[in-house]
Amino acid sequence: MKILFVHQNFPAQFLHLAPALAARGHHVMGLTDEKNARPSPVRVVRYKAPDEPSLPPMLGRTFSEMAERGWLAARGCRALRDRHDYTPDVIFGHSGWGETLFLREIWPQAKLLVYAELLYRTRGHDVGFDPEITPDSDEARIGTIARSAHLIQGLVQADAGLAPTEYQANSFPAELRQKLTVIHDGIDTLKVCPNPLADFLLPDGRRLRAGDEVLTYVSRSLEPYRGFHRFMRALPQVMRARPDAQVVVVGGEGVSYGSLPKDAPNWKEKLLAELDGQLDLSRIHFMGRVAYPQYLALLQVSRVHCYLTYPFVLSWSLAEAMAAGCYIVGSDTEPVRELIRDGENGRLVPFFDQPALEAALIRGLSGDPDADRMRAAARETILQGYDLHRHSLPQLVDWVEGFAP
């Protein structure tokens, strides 16, 4: 088949699937934003990037921006069709940025598949979950509905969709949920595995090694959606109780979800100001974003890994931490419960129960007698259902090839 992947940040979720399909003899190509500099495992073509948004805030702004990107992607595809006589059998694109909205009009005979990551909902997800950050207001709910329009239209247009977890698939209403198949992107457990010889270099030249008392927190961005504020507020008590513990925090200072605070440059600075005088900053190491080998080494030296999230998209980092054999302290929220069973393969605490979070972190750092059993169970969970080579990739390949003409 001719298979066209569409993603403004390609290869993204298709990093393993695209080359696997190419290796099976399919003609595989990616369509991406002209500004995307990520290396690709297959040939890519690029569409003109949209200009910076110039519209004032309004309910239709998100759809307008996504429709513009969709038009630019469609225009690039039209050039492929008209100038290069290219017609794919299957198009598989992420619906989050509107790129797939108009592609059926360019190639009406192609099967159109979408990666349906999450549908924003007005209740039961992030809106109103954390009153400190995301108030439950009419305005917030109405804005959420408006921001969902392109996601709904993207799945309506598609022949079928894919979601990585049951929680994320179930964010769509029943009439659209029936179009979705759940297959996780997959974790390369040959690469992401325990390593008793691992070490992690701190900026001051010290090395942390497996077995050291290390508390880790990882997020693409340090923000409330990933519980950064709850984690930081737990540190004064945790660090008093464990005077030898080293805390390593990985993540950028911007936001991936939600918004920046109104009274500080970013959430890191806001929390440091709030906790001024309560933290031993010589034992807290903010690494920013790190290269993948560093990130993996950090998971391998971690004694306790803290993963907190709103009811929202589940981070790859949780599954990777489990595959690395981490002792997980996670938030008792629906997306996390899909992977973590309290007391079996990790510890779960209510998102807003600060004493419970502190106690769980201290328990893990001080040497939970169940730690080795839960670490092994965490890795086994990934091996049995989320392993890239044994489960995810074969299922993904079969799913895509099932749409052959």
Protein backbone atom coordinates (compact mmCIF):
# COMPACT_ATOMS: atom_id res chain seq x y z
CA MET A 1 0.00 0.00 0.00
CA LYS A 2 0.85 3.65 -0.22
CA ILE A 3 0.52 5.01 3.32
CA LEU A 4 0.71 8.71 4.14
CA PHE A 5 1.26 9.73 7.78
CA VAL A 6 0.22 13.25 8.71
CA HIS A 7 1.53 15.03 11.80
CA GLN A 8 2.89 18.56 12.26
CA ASN A 9 5.66 17.11 14.48
CA PHE A 10 6.25 13.84 12.57
CA PRO A 11 7.28 11.13 13.41
CA ALA A 12 5.70 11.71 16.86
CA GLN A 13 3.39 8.79 17.72
CA PHE A 14 4.34 7.11 14.42
CA LEU A 15 8.06 6.81 15.25
CA HIS A 16 8.01 3.00 15.28
CA LEU A 17 4.96 2.27 13.14
CA ALA A 18 6.06 4.16 10.01
CA PRO A 19 9.41 2.36 9.56
CA ALA A 20 7.83 -0.99 10.52
CA LEU A 21 5.30 -0.64 7.71
CA ALA A 22 8.05 0.47 5.31
CA ALA A 23 10.07 -2.61 6.24
CA ARG A 24 7.08 -4.75 5.25
CA GLY A 25 7.23 -3.37 1.70
CA HIS A 26 4.70 -0.57 1.89
CA HIS A 27 5.46 2.82 0.35
CA VAL A 28 5.46 5.03 3.44
CA MET A 29 5.76 8.82 3.55
CA GLY A 30 5.15 11.55 6.11
CA LEU A 31 3.54 14.95 5.64
CA THR A 32 4.66 17.52 8.19
CA ASP A 33 5.03 21.21 8.99
CA GLU A 34 7.89 22.91 7.13
CA LYS A 35 9.35 24.06 10.48
CA ASN A 36 9.55 20.54 11.89
CA ALA A 37 13.24 19.69 12.25
CA ARG A 38 12.86 16.26 13.86
CA PRO A 39 14.71 13.45 12.06
CA SER A 40 12.41 11.06 10.25
CA PRO A 41 12.73 7.31 9.67
CA VAL A 42 10.94 7.66 6.31
CA ARG A 43 10.76 10.21 3.53
CA VAL A 44 8.82 13.36 4.40
CA VAL A 45 7.21 16.15 2.44
CA ARG A 46 6.31 19.45 4.01
CA TYR A 47 3.45 21.91 3.88
CA LYS A 48 3.72 25.64 4.51
CA ALA A 49 3.46 26.43 8.21
CA PRO A 50 0.56 28.66 9.24
CA ASP A 51 1.33 32.22 10.27
CA GLU A 52 1.12 33.20 13.91
CA PRO A 53 -2.53 33.57 14.98
CA SER A 54 -3.81 37.09 14.51
CA LEU A 55 -7.42 36.56 15.57
CA PRO A 56 -8.65 38.06 18.84
CA PRO A 57 -9.77 35.62 21.54
CA MET A 58 -13.17 34.22 20.67
CA LEU A 59 -15.07 30.97 20.78
CA GLY A 60 -14.22 30.06 17.18
CA ARG A 61 -10.54 30.87 17.36
CA THR A 62 -9.30 27.30 17.90
CA PHE A 63 -11.36 25.91 15.04
CA SER A 64 -10.25 28.76 12.78
CA GLU A 65 -6.58 28.06 13.53
CA MET A 66 -6.96 24.31 13.06
CA ALA A 67 -8.96 24.76 9.85
CA GLU A 68 -6.20 26.98 8.48
CA ARG A 69 -3.60 24.33 9.22
CA GLY A 70 -5.93 21.76 7.67
CA TRP A 71 -6.19 23.87 4.53
CA LEU A 72 -2.40 24.22 4.30
CA ALA A 73 -1.97 20.46 4.73
CA ALA A 74 -4.65 19.83 2.09
CA ARG A 75 -2.97 22.26 -0.28
CA GLY A 76 0.33 20.38 0.14
CA CYS A 77 -1.48 17.11 -0.55
CA ARG A 78 -3.12 18.57 -3.63
CA ALA A 79 0.36 19.38 -4.96
CA LEU A 80 1.37 15.76 -4.33
CA ARG A 81 -1.68 14.61 -6.26
CA ASP A 82 -1.52 17.02 -9.19
CA ARG A 83 2.22 17.48 -9.67
CA HIS A 84 3.53 14.05 -8.65
CA ASP A 85 0.56 11.80 -9.38
CA TYR A 86 0.62 10.55 -5.79
CA THR A 87 -2.48 8.86 -4.38
CA PRO A 88 -2.24 7.02 -1.04
CA ASP A 89 -4.29 3.98 -0.15
CA VAL A 90 -4.28 4.92 3.54
CA ILE A 91 -3.87 8.27 5.29
CA PHE A 92 -3.11 8.14 9.02
CA GLY A 93 -2.88 11.47 10.81
CA HIS A 94 -3.16 12.99 14.25
CA SER A 95 -6.45 14.87 14.49
CA GLY A 96 -5.25 17.28 17.16
CA TRP A 97 -4.03 20.03 14.84
CA GLY A 98 -6.66 19.90 12.11
CA GLU A 99 -4.33 18.50 9.46
CA THR A 100 -6.70 15.70 8.43
CA LEU A 101 -9.86 17.83 8.20
CA PHE A 102 -9.95 18.24 4.42
CA LEU A 103 -7.83 15.37 3.12
CA ARG A 104 -10.84 13.28 2.10
CA GLU A 105 -11.62 15.99 -0.46
CA ILE A 106 -8.16 15.56 -2.01
CA TRP A 107 -8.21 11.75 -2.04
CA PRO A 108 -11.84 10.60 -1.62
CA GLN A 109 -11.00 6.93 -2.25
CA ALA A 110 -8.24 6.69 0.39
CA LYS A 111 -9.00 5.24 3.81
CA LEU A 112 -8.66 8.03 6.36
CA LEU A 113 -7.49 7.03 9.85
CA VAL A 114 -6.96 9.41 12.76
CA TYR A 115 -4.98 9.21 15.98
CA ALA A 116 -7.68 10.43 18.37
CA GLU A 117 -5.66 11.33 21.44
CA LEU A 118 -8.37 12.87 23.62
CA LEU A 119 -11.64 14.77 23.38
CA TYR A 120 -11.89 17.73 25.71
CA ARG A 121 -14.85 17.33 28.03
CA THR A 122 -16.65 19.84 30.23
CA ARG A 123 -17.04 17.44 33.16
CA GLY A 124 -14.99 14.58 34.54
CA HIS A 125 -11.70 15.64 32.98
CA ASP A 126 -9.52 18.67 33.61
CA VAL A 127 -12.17 21.41 33.64
CA GLY A 128 -13.01 22.15 37.26
CA PHE A 129 -10.82 19.31 38.55
CA ASP A 130 -8.38 21.62 40.35
CA PRO A 131 -10.30 24.68 41.61
CA GLU A 132 -7.03 26.47 42.37
CA ILE A 133 -6.00 26.31 38.71
CA THR A 134 -8.97 25.26 36.53
CA PRO A 135 -12.17 26.81 37.92
CA ASP A 136 -15.48 25.15 37.15
CA SER A 137 -17.21 28.04 35.41
CA ASP A 138 -19.69 28.45 32.59
CA GLU A 139 -17.01 30.24 30.61
CA ALA A 140 -14.50 27.40 31.04
CA ARG A 141 -17.02 24.77 29.97
CA ILE A 142 -18.24 26.77 26.98
CA GLY A 143 -14.66 27.38 25.87
CA THR A 144 -13.96 23.67 26.16
CA ILE A 145 -16.86 22.83 23.86
CA ALA A 146 -15.60 25.36 21.32
CA ARG A 147 -12.07 23.88 21.43
CA SER A 148 -13.43 20.40 20.76
CA ALA A 149 -15.08 21.12 17.41
CA HIS A 150 -12.14 20.16 15.17
CA LEU A 151 -11.51 16.96 17.15
CA ILE A 152 -15.10 15.83 16.68
CA GLN A 153 -15.11 16.75 13.00
CA GLY A 154 -11.79 14.96 12.49
CA LEU A 155 -13.19 11.68 13.79
CA VAL A 156 -16.51 12.12 11.97
CA GLN A 157 -14.58 12.50 8.70
CA ALA A 158 -12.43 9.43 9.37
CA ASP A 159 -13.11 5.80 8.54
CA ALA A 160 -11.66 4.79 11.91
CA GLY A 161 -9.59 6.09 14.77
CA LEU A 162 -6.95 4.93 17.20
CA ALA A 163 -6.50 5.88 20.87
CA PRO A 164 -3.61 4.84 23.14
CA THR A 165 -5.60 4.09 26.32
CA GLU A 166 -9.16 3.15 27.26
CA TYR A 167 -9.48 6.33 29.29
CA GLN A 168 -8.59 8.49 26.31
CA ALA A 169 -10.85 6.54 23.95
CA ASN A 170 -13.73 6.86 26.41
CA SER A 171 -13.41 10.63 26.36
CA PHE A 172 -15.33 10.49 23.08
CA PRO A 173 -19.13 10.11 23.14
CA ALA A 174 -20.59 6.66 22.44
CA GLU A 175 -21.52 7.42 18.84
CA LEU A 176 -17.85 8.25 18.08
CA ARG A 177 -16.25 5.85 20.57
CA GLN A 178 -17.45 2.94 18.42
CA LYS A 179 -15.07 4.07 15.66
CA LEU A 180 -12.03 3.78 17.94
CA THR A 181 -9.59 0.95 18.54
CA VAL A 182 -7.33 1.10 21.61
CA ILE A 183 -3.67 0.22 21.05
CA HIS A 184 -0.93 1.82 23.13
CA ASP A 185 2.02 3.35 21.26
CA GLY A 186 4.27 0.80 22.96
CA ILE A 187 7.39 0.86 25.13
CA ASP A 188 10.69 -0.55 23.90
CA THR A 189 11.38 -2.72 26.94
CA LEU A 190 14.70 -3.88 25.50
CA LYS A 191 15.95 -0.31 25.80
CA VAL A 192 13.84 0.84 28.76
CA CYS A 193 14.77 -1.63 31.47
CA PRO A 194 16.32 -1.75 34.95
CA ASN A 195 20.06 -1.18 35.07
CA PRO A 196 21.80 -1.66 38.42
CA LEU A 197 24.95 -0.06 36.96
CA ALA A 198 23.21 3.14 35.84
CA ASP A 199 24.46 6.54 36.95
CA PHE A 200 23.22 10.08 36.42
CA LEU A 201 25.46 13.12 36.28
CA LEU A 202 24.26 16.23 38.14
CA PRO A 203 25.22 19.73 36.96
CA ASP A 204 27.59 20.13 39.92
CA GLY A 205 29.57 17.05 38.87
CA ARG A 206 28.16 14.61 41.41
CA ARG A 207 26.94 11.25 40.18
CA LEU A 208 23.82 9.53 41.38
CA ARG A 209 23.81 5.75 41.16
CA ALA A 210 21.23 3.00 41.38
CA GLY A 211 20.64 2.39 45.07
CA ASP A 212 21.10 6.03 46.09
CA GLU A 213 18.23 7.84 47.77
CA VAL A 214 16.85 9.64 44.71
CA LEU A 215 13.37 11.09 44.26
CA THR A 216 12.49 11.83 40.63
CA TYR A 217 9.81 13.83 38.87
CA VAL A 218 9.55 14.06 35.08
CA SER A 219 7.19 16.05 32.88
CA ARG A 220 7.49 17.68 29.48
CA SER A 221 6.67 20.95 31.26
CA LEU A 222 6.57 21.79 34.96
CA GLU A 223 2.88 22.61 35.32
CA PRO A 224 -0.22 21.89 37.41
CA TYR A 225 -1.75 19.50 34.85
CA ARG A 226 1.05 17.12 35.82
CA GLY A 227 0.76 17.88 39.52
CA PHE A 228 3.95 19.93 39.76
CA HIS A 229 2.45 22.18 42.43
CA ARG A 230 1.41 19.20 44.55
CA PHE A 231 4.85 17.63 44.19
CA MET A 232 6.70 20.80 45.14
CA ARG A 233 4.49 21.39 48.17
CA ALA A 234 5.29 17.88 49.40
CA LEU A 235 9.05 18.47 49.33
CA PRO A 236 9.54 20.44 52.59
CA GLN A 237 8.15 17.59 54.69
CA VAL A 238 9.78 14.88 52.58
CA MET A 239 13.20 16.50 52.69
CA ARG A 240 13.01 17.07 56.44
CA ALA A 241 12.14 13.41 56.95
CA ARG A 242 14.83 12.19 54.53
CA PRO A 243 17.87 14.46 54.98
CA ASP A 244 20.02 12.47 52.53
CA ALA A 245 17.51 12.39 49.69
CA GLN A 246 18.38 14.02 46.38
CA VAL A 247 15.48 15.36 44.29
CA VAL A 248 15.84 15.49 40.50
CA VAL A 249 13.22 17.35 38.47
CA VAL A 250 13.11 17.11 34.67
CA GLY A 251 10.89 19.36 32.55
CA GLY A 252 10.72 22.65 30.70
CA GLU A 253 9.63 25.87 32.34
CA GLY A 254 6.85 26.69 29.86
CA VAL A 255 3.47 25.01 29.66
CA SER A 256 2.28 22.15 27.49
CA TYR A 257 -1.25 22.19 28.92
CA GLY A 258 -3.11 24.97 30.64
CA SER A 259 -1.57 28.40 31.07
CA LEU A 260 1.24 30.19 32.84
CA PRO A 261 0.55 31.74 36.26
CA LYS A 262 -0.57 35.36 36.26
CA ASP A 263 1.81 36.40 39.04
CA ALA A 264 5.07 34.70 38.05
CA PRO A 265 7.12 33.96 34.91
CA ASN A 266 6.40 30.23 35.21
CA TRP A 267 5.17 27.60 37.66
CA LYS A 268 8.67 26.72 38.83
CA GLU A 269 9.35 30.30 39.91
CA LYS A 270 5.90 30.59 41.48
CA LEU A 271 6.37 27.46 43.60
CA LEU A 272 9.91 28.36 44.61
CA ALA A 273 8.66 31.77 45.79
CA GLU A 274 5.78 30.16 47.67
CA LEU A 275 8.14 27.72 49.41
CA ASP A 276 10.95 30.20 49.99
CA GLY A 277 12.95 29.21 53.07
CA GLN A 278 11.34 25.76 53.31
CA LEU A 279 13.54 23.89 50.84
CA ASP A 280 17.16 22.79 50.85
CA LEU A 281 17.88 23.90 47.30
CA SER A 282 21.30 22.22 47.35
CA ARG A 283 19.44 18.89 47.18
CA ILE A 284 16.92 19.83 44.48
CA HIS A 285 18.23 19.65 40.93
CA PHE A 286 16.18 21.24 38.14
CA MET A 287 17.52 19.73 34.94
CA GLY A 288 15.24 21.35 32.38
CA ARG A 289 14.66 19.05 29.43
CA VAL A 290 17.31 16.37 28.98
CA ALA A 291 18.41 14.05 26.20
CA TYR A 292 16.73 10.65 26.12
CA PRO A 293 19.77 8.66 27.39
CA GLN A 294 19.99 10.98 30.42
CA TYR A 295 16.29 10.64 31.06
CA LEU A 296 16.50 6.87 30.90
CA ALA A 297 19.49 6.80 33.25
CA LEU A 298 17.56 8.97 35.69
CA LEU A 299 14.68 6.50 35.78
CA GLN A 300 17.16 3.68 36.34
CA VAL A 301 18.74 5.36 39.40
CA SER A 302 15.43 6.51 40.89
CA ARG A 303 14.43 5.10 44.27
CA VAL A 304 10.99 6.74 44.09
CA HIS A 305 9.40 8.17 40.96
CA CYS A 306 6.46 10.53 41.41
CA TYR A 307 3.87 10.77 38.63
CA LEU A 308 0.85 13.01 39.13
CA THR A 309 -1.72 14.09 36.57
CA TYR A 310 -5.15 15.60 36.18
CA PRO A 311 -7.70 13.35 34.43
CA PHE A 312 -6.08 13.95 31.05
CA VAL A 313 -3.75 12.41 28.45
CA LEU A 314 -1.52 9.80 30.06
CA SER A 315 2.20 10.54 29.73
CA TRP A 316 4.54 8.10 28.01
CA SER A 317 6.87 8.70 30.97
CA LEU A 318 4.68 6.71 33.36
CA ALA A 319 4.82 3.58 31.21
CA GLU A 320 8.55 4.08 30.64
CA ALA A 321 9.17 4.50 34.37
CA MET A 322 7.30 1.24 34.98
CA ALA A 323 9.33 -0.52 32.29
CA ALA A 324 12.51 0.76 33.92
CA GLY A 325 11.41 -0.89 37.17
CA CYS A 326 10.67 2.28 39.09
CA TYR A 327 8.87 2.39 42.41
CA ILE A 328 5.93 4.62 41.44
CA VAL A 329 3.97 6.98 43.63
CA GLY A 330 1.13 8.14 41.41
CA SER A 331 -2.06 10.14 41.62
CA ASP A 332 -5.26 8.16 42.09
CA THR A 333 -6.78 9.58 38.92
CA GLU A 334 -8.52 7.62 36.18
CA PRO A 335 -5.77 7.58 33.53
CA VAL A 336 -3.20 6.40 36.09
CA ARG A 337 -5.48 3.67 37.46
CA GLU A 338 -5.44 2.09 34.01
CA LEU A 339 -1.79 1.10 34.61
CA ILE A 340 -1.21 1.26 38.37
CA ARG A 341 -2.95 -0.95 40.93
CA ASP A 342 -2.36 0.39 44.42
CA GLY A 343 -0.13 -1.88 46.45
CA GLU A 344 0.49 -4.26 43.56
CA ASN A 345 2.68 -2.39 41.06
CA GLY A 346 2.85 1.05 42.65
CA ARG A 347 1.33 3.35 45.24
CA LEU A 348 -1.65 5.59 44.49
CA VAL A 349 -2.60 8.65 46.53
CA PRO A 350 -5.50 11.09 46.10
CA PHE A 351 -4.35 14.00 43.97
CA PHE A 352 -5.26 16.62 46.59
CA ASP A 353 -4.25 14.72 49.75
CA GLN A 354 -0.94 16.40 50.57
CA PRO A 355 -0.21 14.39 53.76
CA ALA A 356 -0.87 11.14 51.89
CA LEU A 357 1.54 12.14 49.10
CA GLU A 358 4.22 13.12 51.60
CA ALA A 359 3.80 9.86 53.54
CA ALA A 360 3.95 7.74 50.36
CA LEU A 361 7.12 9.47 49.13
CA ILE A 362 8.78 9.13 52.55
CA ARG A 363 7.76 5.49 52.78
CA GLY A 364 9.34 4.74 49.41
CA LEU A 365 12.54 6.66 50.11
CA SER A 366 13.01 5.05 53.53
CA GLY A 367 12.86 1.54 52.07
CA ASP A 368 9.39 0.13 51.60
CA PRO A 369 9.69 -3.64 52.23
CA ASP A 370 7.37 -4.21 49.26
CA ALA A 371 9.49 -2.09 46.93
CA ASP A 372 11.26 -4.87 45.01
CA ARG A 373 8.02 -6.78 44.49
CA MET A 374 6.21 -3.68 43.18
CA ARG A 375 9.11 -2.67 40.94
CA ALA A 376 9.08 -6.10 39.32
CA ALA A 377 5.29 -6.00 39.00
CA ALA A 378 5.43 -2.56 37.39
CA ARG A 379 7.79 -3.82 34.69
CA GLU A 380 5.74 -6.97 34.23
CA THR A 381 2.63 -4.85 33.61
CA ILE A 382 4.38 -3.19 30.66
CA LEU A 383 5.84 -6.47 29.39
CA GLN A 384 2.44 -8.14 29.38
CA GLY A 385 0.39 -5.44 27.68
CA TYR A 386 2.39 -2.45 26.46
CA ASP A 387 5.61 -3.92 25.07
CA LEU A 388 6.47 -2.34 21.72
CA HIS A 389 7.77 -5.45 19.96
CA ARG A 390 5.55 -8.13 21.50
CA HIS A 391 2.25 -6.27 21.60
CA SER A 392 1.88 -2.70 20.34
CA LEU A 393 3.78 -2.71 17.07
CA PRO A 394 2.33 -5.99 15.71
CA GLN A 395 -1.17 -4.81 16.64
CA LEU A 396 -0.62 -1.40 15.05
CA VAL A 397 0.73 -2.93 11.84
CA ASP A 398 -2.21 -5.33 11.64
CA TRP A 399 -4.66 -2.50 12.27
CA VAL A 400 -3.27 -0.29 9.50
CA GLU A 401 -2.91 -3.18 7.04
CA GLY A 402 -6.53 -4.12 7.76
CA PHE A 403 -7.56 -1.09 5.69
CA ALA A 404 -5.83 -2.33 2.53
CA PRO A 405 -8.02 -1.85 -0.56
